[in-house]
Amino acid sequence: MIESPAKVVRTDGDVAYVEVRNSSGCGSCGSGNECPTILLSQVFGGANREFRVLNAVGAQAGESVVIGLEEGALLKGSLTMYLLPLVLLFIGAIGSISLSPSAALRDLYSIAGGGVGLVAGFIWVKLYAMRLGSNRHFQPVILRKSSEFLCNVIKEG
């Protein structure tokens, strides 16, 4: 489980909206930039962005919490998001060469086929993400309430 500190901004039933700030490691364990605690906040990117998470502990607005995401979900999502469009781009580019009526048009067919493959990959990823959107395994969840943030990630004020 990849964990990251966050602050609850608002709640809506069994869902909470939390603020996570991207940061570097705190240095308390000596792992530096390889700190597993900050991996989730690096995935979110940017500073002080709001995200929807499952509120399994009944946290309220203003509370400090620790959110988590299954490592397998992060790996599967990353591979799908980045690798699938790239593979389809190459398949489209290579496959379309055989459709070219002449050697002079092979490059043009390859570019067009690669573009079609890339777009198909993006559409596939979008449909896959929509299908998995309701799957609890792929959603971050509030693991526990926390009296103070780990690594001082989000500053009050």
N, C-alpha and C. Protein backbone atom coordinates (compact mmCIF):
# COMPACT_ATOMS: atom_id res chain seq x y z
N MET A 1 0.86 -1.18 0.00
CA MET A 1 0.00 0.00 0.00
C MET A 1 0.89 1.23 0.00
N ILE A 2 0.65 2.12 -0.95
CA ILE A 2 1.36 3.39 -1.01
C ILE A 2 0.55 4.41 -0.23
N GLU A 3 1.19 5.09 0.70
CA GLU A 3 0.49 6.02 1.57
C GLU A 3 0.99 7.45 1.38
N SER A 4 0.09 8.40 1.64
CA SER A 4 0.45 9.80 1.56
C SER A 4 -0.44 10.60 2.51
N PRO A 5 0.13 11.59 3.18
CA PRO A 5 -0.69 12.44 4.05
C PRO A 5 -1.54 13.39 3.21
N ALA A 6 -2.67 13.78 3.78
CA ALA A 6 -3.58 14.69 3.08
C ALA A 6 -4.44 15.41 4.10
N LYS A 7 -5.17 16.40 3.64
CA LYS A 7 -6.10 17.15 4.47
C LYS A 7 -7.47 17.10 3.81
N VAL A 8 -8.49 16.76 4.57
CA VAL A 8 -9.84 16.68 4.04
C VAL A 8 -10.37 18.10 3.83
N VAL A 9 -10.79 18.38 2.60
CA VAL A 9 -11.33 19.69 2.25
C VAL A 9 -12.84 19.71 2.44
N ARG A 10 -13.50 18.64 1.97
CA ARG A 10 -14.95 18.51 2.12
C ARG A 10 -15.34 17.05 1.98
N THR A 11 -16.55 16.73 2.42
CA THR A 11 -17.04 15.36 2.34
C THR A 11 -18.38 15.33 1.64
N ASP A 12 -18.70 14.17 1.08
CA ASP A 12 -19.98 13.96 0.42
C ASP A 12 -20.34 12.49 0.59
N GLY A 13 -21.02 12.16 1.67
CA GLY A 13 -21.38 10.77 1.95
C GLY A 13 -20.15 9.95 2.28
N ASP A 14 -19.95 8.86 1.55
CA ASP A 14 -18.79 7.99 1.80
C ASP A 14 -17.59 8.38 0.95
N VAL A 15 -17.61 9.61 0.43
CA VAL A 15 -16.52 10.13 -0.39
C VAL A 15 -16.01 11.41 0.25
N ALA A 16 -14.69 11.59 0.21
CA ALA A 16 -14.09 12.82 0.72
C ALA A 16 -13.23 13.42 -0.39
N TYR A 17 -13.08 14.71 -0.33
CA TYR A 17 -12.19 15.42 -1.25
C TYR A 17 -11.03 15.92 -0.42
N VAL A 18 -9.84 15.47 -0.78
CA VAL A 18 -8.66 15.78 0.01
C VAL A 18 -7.67 16.61 -0.79
N GLU A 19 -6.83 17.32 -0.06
CA GLU A 19 -5.78 18.13 -0.65
C GLU A 19 -4.46 17.44 -0.37
N VAL A 20 -3.72 17.16 -1.44
CA VAL A 20 -2.42 16.50 -1.34
C VAL A 20 -1.39 17.41 -1.97
N ARG A 21 -0.28 17.58 -1.30
CA ARG A 21 0.76 18.45 -1.83
C ARG A 21 1.96 17.63 -2.23
N ASN A 22 2.48 17.87 -3.43
CA ASN A 22 3.66 17.17 -3.92
C ASN A 22 4.88 17.71 -3.18
N SER A 23 5.76 16.81 -2.75
CA SER A 23 6.96 17.23 -2.04
C SER A 23 8.06 16.22 -2.22
N SER A 24 9.21 16.54 -1.68
CA SER A 24 10.31 15.59 -1.67
C SER A 24 10.31 14.87 -0.33
N GLY A 25 11.15 13.90 -0.17
CA GLY A 25 11.20 13.12 1.05
C GLY A 25 11.58 13.96 2.26
N CYS A 26 11.18 13.50 3.43
CA CYS A 26 11.44 14.24 4.66
C CYS A 26 12.84 14.00 5.19
N GLY A 27 13.45 12.87 4.80
CA GLY A 27 14.80 12.58 5.23
C GLY A 27 14.87 11.83 6.55
N SER A 28 13.74 11.56 7.19
CA SER A 28 13.77 10.90 8.49
C SER A 28 14.22 9.45 8.42
N CYS A 29 14.02 8.80 7.29
CA CYS A 29 14.44 7.40 7.19
C CYS A 29 15.68 7.23 6.32
N GLY A 30 16.14 8.30 5.70
CA GLY A 30 17.35 8.24 4.89
C GLY A 30 17.13 7.77 3.46
N SER A 31 15.88 7.56 3.04
CA SER A 31 15.66 7.08 1.68
C SER A 31 15.62 8.20 0.65
N GLY A 32 15.53 9.44 1.10
CA GLY A 32 15.59 10.59 0.20
C GLY A 32 14.47 10.61 -0.82
N ASN A 33 14.83 10.75 -2.10
CA ASN A 33 13.84 10.84 -3.17
C ASN A 33 13.14 9.52 -3.46
N GLU A 34 13.60 8.43 -2.87
CA GLU A 34 12.97 7.12 -3.08
C GLU A 34 11.98 6.79 -1.98
N CYS A 35 11.56 7.77 -1.21
CA CYS A 35 10.64 7.57 -0.08
C CYS A 35 9.31 7.02 -0.57
N PRO A 36 8.91 5.83 -0.10
CA PRO A 36 7.64 5.26 -0.55
C PRO A 36 6.43 6.06 -0.09
N THR A 37 6.56 6.83 0.96
CA THR A 37 5.45 7.63 1.47
C THR A 37 5.03 8.71 0.50
N ILE A 38 5.96 9.23 -0.30
CA ILE A 38 5.62 10.34 -1.19
C ILE A 38 5.28 9.90 -2.60
N LEU A 39 5.36 8.61 -2.90
CA LEU A 39 5.07 8.16 -4.26
C LEU A 39 3.66 8.56 -4.70
N LEU A 40 2.71 8.41 -3.81
CA LEU A 40 1.33 8.74 -4.16
C LEU A 40 1.18 10.23 -4.45
N SER A 41 1.82 11.07 -3.66
CA SER A 41 1.71 12.50 -3.91
C SER A 41 2.43 12.89 -5.19
N GLN A 42 3.48 12.16 -5.59
CA GLN A 42 4.14 12.44 -6.85
C GLN A 42 3.25 12.07 -8.03
N VAL A 43 2.46 11.02 -7.87
CA VAL A 43 1.53 10.63 -8.93
C VAL A 43 0.50 11.73 -9.15
N PHE A 44 0.02 12.33 -8.06
CA PHE A 44 -0.97 13.40 -8.18
C PHE A 44 -0.38 14.63 -8.84
N GLY A 45 0.88 14.93 -8.60
CA GLY A 45 1.57 16.06 -9.23
C GLY A 45 1.01 17.40 -8.78
N GLY A 46 1.78 18.45 -9.03
CA GLY A 46 1.34 19.79 -8.68
C GLY A 46 1.28 20.01 -7.19
N ALA A 47 0.92 21.21 -6.80
CA ALA A 47 0.84 21.55 -5.39
C ALA A 47 -0.61 21.83 -5.02
N ASN A 48 -1.03 21.31 -3.89
CA ASN A 48 -2.34 21.57 -3.32
C ASN A 48 -3.49 21.33 -4.29
N ARG A 49 -3.54 20.14 -4.84
CA ARG A 49 -4.64 19.77 -5.72
C ARG A 49 -5.64 18.96 -4.93
N GLU A 50 -6.89 19.03 -5.34
CA GLU A 50 -7.98 18.36 -4.65
C GLU A 50 -8.34 17.06 -5.38
N PHE A 51 -8.48 15.96 -4.61
CA PHE A 51 -8.78 14.66 -5.19
C PHE A 51 -9.90 13.97 -4.43
N ARG A 52 -10.64 13.15 -5.16
CA ARG A 52 -11.74 12.37 -4.61
C ARG A 52 -11.19 11.04 -4.09
N VAL A 53 -11.50 10.72 -2.83
CA VAL A 53 -11.06 9.45 -2.24
C VAL A 53 -12.23 8.84 -1.48
N LEU A 54 -12.16 7.53 -1.27
CA LEU A 54 -13.17 6.86 -0.47
C LEU A 54 -12.93 7.17 1.00
N ASN A 55 -13.99 7.51 1.71
CA ASN A 55 -13.89 7.91 3.11
C ASN A 55 -14.32 6.75 4.01
N ALA A 56 -13.42 5.79 4.19
CA ALA A 56 -13.74 4.59 4.96
C ALA A 56 -13.72 4.82 6.46
N VAL A 57 -13.15 5.93 6.93
CA VAL A 57 -13.01 6.16 8.37
C VAL A 57 -13.92 7.27 8.88
N GLY A 58 -14.73 7.85 8.01
CA GLY A 58 -15.66 8.90 8.42
C GLY A 58 -14.97 10.21 8.76
N ALA A 59 -13.93 10.56 8.06
CA ALA A 59 -13.21 11.80 8.31
C ALA A 59 -14.08 13.00 7.94
N GLN A 60 -13.86 14.10 8.63
CA GLN A 60 -14.62 15.33 8.39
C GLN A 60 -13.70 16.41 7.82
N ALA A 61 -14.30 17.44 7.26
CA ALA A 61 -13.54 18.54 6.67
C ALA A 61 -12.60 19.15 7.69
N GLY A 62 -11.38 19.41 7.26
CA GLY A 62 -10.37 20.01 8.14
C GLY A 62 -9.48 19.01 8.84
N GLU A 63 -9.82 17.73 8.81
CA GLU A 63 -9.01 16.73 9.49
C GLU A 63 -7.82 16.30 8.64
N SER A 64 -6.75 15.95 9.34
CA SER A 64 -5.58 15.39 8.69
C SER A 64 -5.75 13.89 8.58
N VAL A 65 -5.45 13.34 7.43
CA VAL A 65 -5.65 11.91 7.20
C VAL A 65 -4.45 11.34 6.43
N VAL A 66 -4.41 10.03 6.37
CA VAL A 66 -3.44 9.33 5.53
C VAL A 66 -4.24 8.57 4.49
N ILE A 67 -3.96 8.83 3.21
CA ILE A 67 -4.65 8.13 2.14
C ILE A 67 -3.72 7.08 1.55
N GLY A 68 -4.31 6.07 0.93
CA GLY A 68 -3.50 5.01 0.36
C GLY A 68 -4.08 4.49 -0.94
N LEU A 69 -3.20 3.89 -1.72
CA LEU A 69 -3.57 3.27 -3.00
C LEU A 69 -2.78 1.99 -3.12
N GLU A 70 -3.43 0.93 -3.55
CA GLU A 70 -2.75 -0.35 -3.73
C GLU A 70 -1.65 -0.21 -4.77
N GLU A 71 -0.48 -0.77 -4.47
CA GLU A 71 0.65 -0.68 -5.39
C GLU A 71 0.34 -1.32 -6.74
N GLY A 72 -0.38 -2.43 -6.72
CA GLY A 72 -0.74 -3.10 -7.96
C GLY A 72 -1.62 -2.24 -8.84
N ALA A 73 -2.51 -1.48 -8.23
CA ALA A 73 -3.39 -0.59 -8.99
C ALA A 73 -2.58 0.51 -9.65
N LEU A 74 -1.60 1.04 -8.94
CA LEU A 74 -0.75 2.08 -9.50
C LEU A 74 0.08 1.55 -10.67
N LEU A 75 0.64 0.37 -10.51
CA LEU A 75 1.46 -0.23 -11.57
C LEU A 75 0.61 -0.55 -12.80
N LYS A 76 -0.54 -1.17 -12.58
CA LYS A 76 -1.41 -1.53 -13.70
C LYS A 76 -1.92 -0.29 -14.43
N GLY A 77 -2.28 0.73 -13.67
CA GLY A 77 -2.75 1.96 -14.28
C GLY A 77 -1.66 2.66 -15.08
N SER A 78 -0.45 2.69 -14.53
CA SER A 78 0.66 3.32 -15.23
C SER A 78 1.01 2.60 -16.52
N LEU A 79 1.07 1.28 -16.46
CA LEU A 79 1.38 0.51 -17.67
C LEU A 79 0.32 0.70 -18.73
N THR A 80 -0.93 0.69 -18.31
CA THR A 80 -2.02 0.87 -19.26
C THR A 80 -1.98 2.26 -19.88
N MET A 81 -1.76 3.26 -19.05
CA MET A 81 -1.80 4.65 -19.51
C MET A 81 -0.67 4.98 -20.48
N TYR A 82 0.51 4.45 -20.24
CA TYR A 82 1.67 4.82 -21.05
C TYR A 82 2.03 3.80 -22.12
N LEU A 83 1.95 2.53 -21.78
CA LEU A 83 2.44 1.50 -22.69
C LEU A 83 1.45 1.17 -23.80
N LEU A 84 0.17 1.09 -23.49
CA LEU A 84 -0.82 0.69 -24.49
C LEU A 84 -0.87 1.63 -25.70
N PRO A 85 -0.96 2.96 -25.52
CA PRO A 85 -0.96 3.83 -26.70
C PRO A 85 0.33 3.72 -27.51
N LEU A 86 1.46 3.55 -26.82
CA LEU A 86 2.73 3.41 -27.52
C LEU A 86 2.79 2.13 -28.36
N VAL A 87 2.32 1.03 -27.79
CA VAL A 87 2.30 -0.24 -28.52
C VAL A 87 1.38 -0.13 -29.73
N LEU A 88 0.21 0.46 -29.55
CA LEU A 88 -0.71 0.60 -30.68
C LEU A 88 -0.18 1.55 -31.74
N LEU A 89 0.58 2.56 -31.34
CA LEU A 89 1.22 3.43 -32.31
C LEU A 89 2.16 2.63 -33.20
N PHE A 90 3.01 1.79 -32.61
CA PHE A 90 3.94 0.98 -33.40
C PHE A 90 3.22 -0.05 -34.26
N ILE A 91 2.19 -0.68 -33.71
CA ILE A 91 1.44 -1.66 -34.49
C ILE A 91 0.78 -0.97 -35.69
N GLY A 92 0.19 0.20 -35.46
CA GLY A 92 -0.44 0.94 -36.55
C GLY A 92 0.56 1.37 -37.61
N ALA A 93 1.73 1.83 -37.16
CA ALA A 93 2.75 2.29 -38.12
C ALA A 93 3.30 1.13 -38.94
N ILE A 94 3.62 0.03 -38.30
CA ILE A 94 4.19 -1.13 -39.01
C ILE A 94 3.13 -1.82 -39.86
N GLY A 95 1.93 -1.97 -39.31
CA GLY A 95 0.86 -2.65 -40.05
C GLY A 95 0.41 -1.89 -41.28
N SER A 96 0.44 -0.58 -41.22
CA SER A 96 -0.03 0.21 -42.37
C SER A 96 0.96 0.21 -43.53
N ILE A 97 2.20 -0.12 -43.28
CA ILE A 97 3.18 -0.17 -44.37
C ILE A 97 2.77 -1.21 -45.41
N SER A 98 2.22 -2.33 -44.93
CA SER A 98 1.81 -3.38 -45.87
C SER A 98 0.61 -2.97 -46.72
N LEU A 99 -0.12 -1.95 -46.31
CA LEU A 99 -1.26 -1.46 -47.07
C LEU A 99 -0.86 -0.46 -48.16
N SER A 100 0.35 0.01 -48.11
CA SER A 100 0.82 1.01 -49.06
C SER A 100 0.87 0.44 -50.47
N PRO A 101 0.26 1.15 -51.44
CA PRO A 101 0.28 0.66 -52.82
C PRO A 101 1.63 0.82 -53.51
N SER A 102 2.49 1.71 -53.00
CA SER A 102 3.80 1.90 -53.63
C SER A 102 4.84 2.23 -52.57
N ALA A 103 6.09 2.05 -52.91
CA ALA A 103 7.19 2.33 -51.99
C ALA A 103 7.26 3.81 -51.65
N ALA A 104 6.85 4.66 -52.57
CA ALA A 104 6.91 6.11 -52.34
C ALA A 104 5.93 6.57 -51.26
N LEU A 105 4.87 5.81 -51.05
CA LEU A 105 3.84 6.20 -50.07
C LEU A 105 3.99 5.49 -48.72
N ARG A 106 5.01 4.65 -48.56
CA ARG A 106 5.17 3.89 -47.31
C ARG A 106 5.30 4.79 -46.09
N ASP A 107 6.09 5.84 -46.20
CA ASP A 107 6.28 6.75 -45.07
C ASP A 107 4.96 7.42 -44.69
N LEU A 108 4.22 7.87 -45.67
CA LEU A 108 2.94 8.53 -45.42
C LEU A 108 1.96 7.55 -44.76
N TYR A 109 1.88 6.33 -45.27
CA TYR A 109 1.01 5.32 -44.67
C TYR A 109 1.46 4.98 -43.26
N SER A 110 2.76 4.93 -43.04
CA SER A 110 3.29 4.61 -41.72
C SER A 110 2.92 5.70 -40.70
N ILE A 111 3.06 6.95 -41.12
CA ILE A 111 2.70 8.06 -40.22
C ILE A 111 1.20 8.05 -39.92
N ALA A 112 0.40 7.86 -40.96
CA ALA A 112 -1.06 7.83 -40.76
C ALA A 112 -1.46 6.65 -39.88
N GLY A 113 -0.89 5.49 -40.14
CA GLY A 113 -1.20 4.31 -39.34
C GLY A 113 -0.77 4.46 -37.89
N GLY A 114 0.38 5.07 -37.68
CA GLY A 114 0.84 5.33 -36.32
C GLY A 114 -0.08 6.29 -35.59
N GLY A 115 -0.53 7.32 -36.30
CA GLY A 115 -1.48 8.26 -35.70
C GLY A 115 -2.79 7.61 -35.33
N VAL A 116 -3.30 6.77 -36.24
CA VAL A 116 -4.55 6.05 -35.95
C VAL A 116 -4.35 5.12 -34.75
N GLY A 117 -3.22 4.42 -34.71
CA GLY A 117 -2.94 3.54 -33.58
C GLY A 117 -2.84 4.29 -32.28
N LEU A 118 -2.19 5.45 -32.29
CA LEU A 118 -2.06 6.26 -31.08
C LEU A 118 -3.41 6.74 -30.59
N VAL A 119 -4.22 7.26 -31.49
CA VAL A 119 -5.57 7.72 -31.12
C VAL A 119 -6.40 6.55 -30.59
N ALA A 120 -6.31 5.40 -31.24
CA ALA A 120 -7.04 4.21 -30.77
C ALA A 120 -6.57 3.83 -29.37
N GLY A 121 -5.28 3.95 -29.11
CA GLY A 121 -4.75 3.66 -27.77
C GLY A 121 -5.30 4.61 -26.73
N PHE A 122 -5.37 5.89 -27.04
CA PHE A 122 -5.92 6.86 -26.10
C PHE A 122 -7.40 6.60 -25.83
N ILE A 123 -8.14 6.27 -26.87
CA ILE A 123 -9.57 5.96 -26.70
C ILE A 123 -9.73 4.72 -25.84
N TRP A 124 -8.93 3.70 -26.10
CA TRP A 124 -8.99 2.46 -25.32
C TRP A 124 -8.69 2.75 -23.85
N VAL A 125 -7.67 3.56 -23.58
CA VAL A 125 -7.32 3.91 -22.20
C VAL A 125 -8.47 4.66 -21.53
N LYS A 126 -9.09 5.58 -22.26
CA LYS A 126 -10.21 6.36 -21.70
C LYS A 126 -11.38 5.44 -21.35
N LEU A 127 -11.73 4.53 -22.26
CA LEU A 127 -12.83 3.60 -21.99
C LEU A 127 -12.49 2.66 -20.84
N TYR A 128 -11.26 2.21 -20.79
CA TYR A 128 -10.80 1.33 -19.71
C TYR A 128 -10.85 2.05 -18.36
N ALA A 129 -10.44 3.31 -18.35
CA ALA A 129 -10.46 4.10 -17.12
C ALA A 129 -11.90 4.34 -16.65
N MET A 130 -12.80 4.57 -17.60
CA MET A 130 -14.21 4.77 -17.23
C MET A 130 -14.79 3.49 -16.63
N ARG A 131 -14.41 2.35 -17.19
CA ARG A 131 -14.90 1.07 -16.69
C ARG A 131 -14.36 0.78 -15.29
N LEU A 132 -13.11 1.15 -15.04
CA LEU A 132 -12.50 0.90 -13.75
C LEU A 132 -12.81 1.98 -12.72
N GLY A 133 -13.43 3.07 -13.14
CA GLY A 133 -13.72 4.17 -12.24
C GLY A 133 -14.54 3.79 -11.03
N SER A 134 -15.38 2.80 -11.15
CA SER A 134 -16.21 2.38 -10.02
C SER A 134 -15.60 1.21 -9.26
N ASN A 135 -14.48 0.69 -9.71
CA ASN A 135 -13.82 -0.41 -9.04
C ASN A 135 -13.04 0.11 -7.83
N ARG A 136 -13.42 -0.32 -6.64
CA ARG A 136 -12.81 0.18 -5.41
C ARG A 136 -11.32 -0.14 -5.32
N HIS A 137 -10.86 -1.17 -6.01
CA HIS A 137 -9.44 -1.53 -5.96
C HIS A 137 -8.55 -0.46 -6.59
N PHE A 138 -9.09 0.31 -7.52
CA PHE A 138 -8.31 1.31 -8.23
C PHE A 138 -8.54 2.73 -7.71
N GLN A 139 -9.20 2.88 -6.57
CA GLN A 139 -9.46 4.20 -6.02
C GLN A 139 -8.68 4.40 -4.73
N PRO A 140 -8.13 5.60 -4.54
CA PRO A 140 -7.48 5.88 -3.26
C PRO A 140 -8.51 5.90 -2.13
N VAL A 141 -8.08 5.55 -0.94
CA VAL A 141 -8.98 5.47 0.20
C VAL A 141 -8.30 6.10 1.42
N ILE A 142 -9.10 6.69 2.30
CA ILE A 142 -8.56 7.20 3.56
C ILE A 142 -8.32 6.00 4.46
N LEU A 143 -7.07 5.82 4.86
CA LEU A 143 -6.70 4.68 5.70
C LEU A 143 -6.92 4.96 7.18
N ARG A 144 -6.56 6.17 7.59
CA ARG A 144 -6.68 6.52 9.01
C ARG A 144 -6.61 8.04 9.17
N LYS A 145 -7.11 8.49 10.31
CA LYS A 145 -6.97 9.90 10.66
C LYS A 145 -5.58 10.09 11.27
N SER A 146 -5.04 11.27 11.09
CA SER A 146 -3.69 11.55 11.56
C SER A 146 -3.69 12.89 12.27
N SER A 147 -3.03 12.95 13.43
CA SER A 147 -3.00 14.21 14.17
C SER A 147 -2.02 15.20 13.55
N GLU A 148 -1.00 14.69 12.87
CA GLU A 148 -0.07 15.56 12.16
C GLU A 148 0.38 14.88 10.89
N PHE A 149 0.74 15.65 9.91
CA PHE A 149 1.13 15.11 8.61
C PHE A 149 2.52 14.51 8.67
N LEU A 150 2.68 13.40 7.98
CA LEU A 150 4.00 12.82 7.83
C LEU A 150 4.83 13.72 6.94
N CYS A 151 6.05 13.93 7.29
CA CYS A 151 7.01 14.72 6.48
C CYS A 151 6.57 16.17 6.29
N ASN A 152 5.63 16.67 7.08
CA ASN A 152 5.17 18.06 6.98
C ASN A 152 4.80 18.45 5.56
N VAL A 153 4.03 17.59 4.90
CA VAL A 153 3.73 17.79 3.50
C VAL A 153 2.82 18.99 3.26
N ILE A 154 1.75 19.10 4.04
CA ILE A 154 0.82 20.22 3.85
C ILE A 154 0.92 21.15 5.05
N LYS A 155 1.20 22.40 4.80
CA LYS A 155 1.35 23.36 5.88
C LYS A 155 0.02 24.04 6.14
N GLU A 156 -0.33 24.16 7.40
CA GLU A 156 -1.57 24.83 7.80
C GLU A 156 -1.43 26.33 7.55
N GLY A 157 -2.55 26.97 7.25
CA GLY A 157 -2.48 28.42 7.16
C GLY A 157 -3.06 28.90 5.93
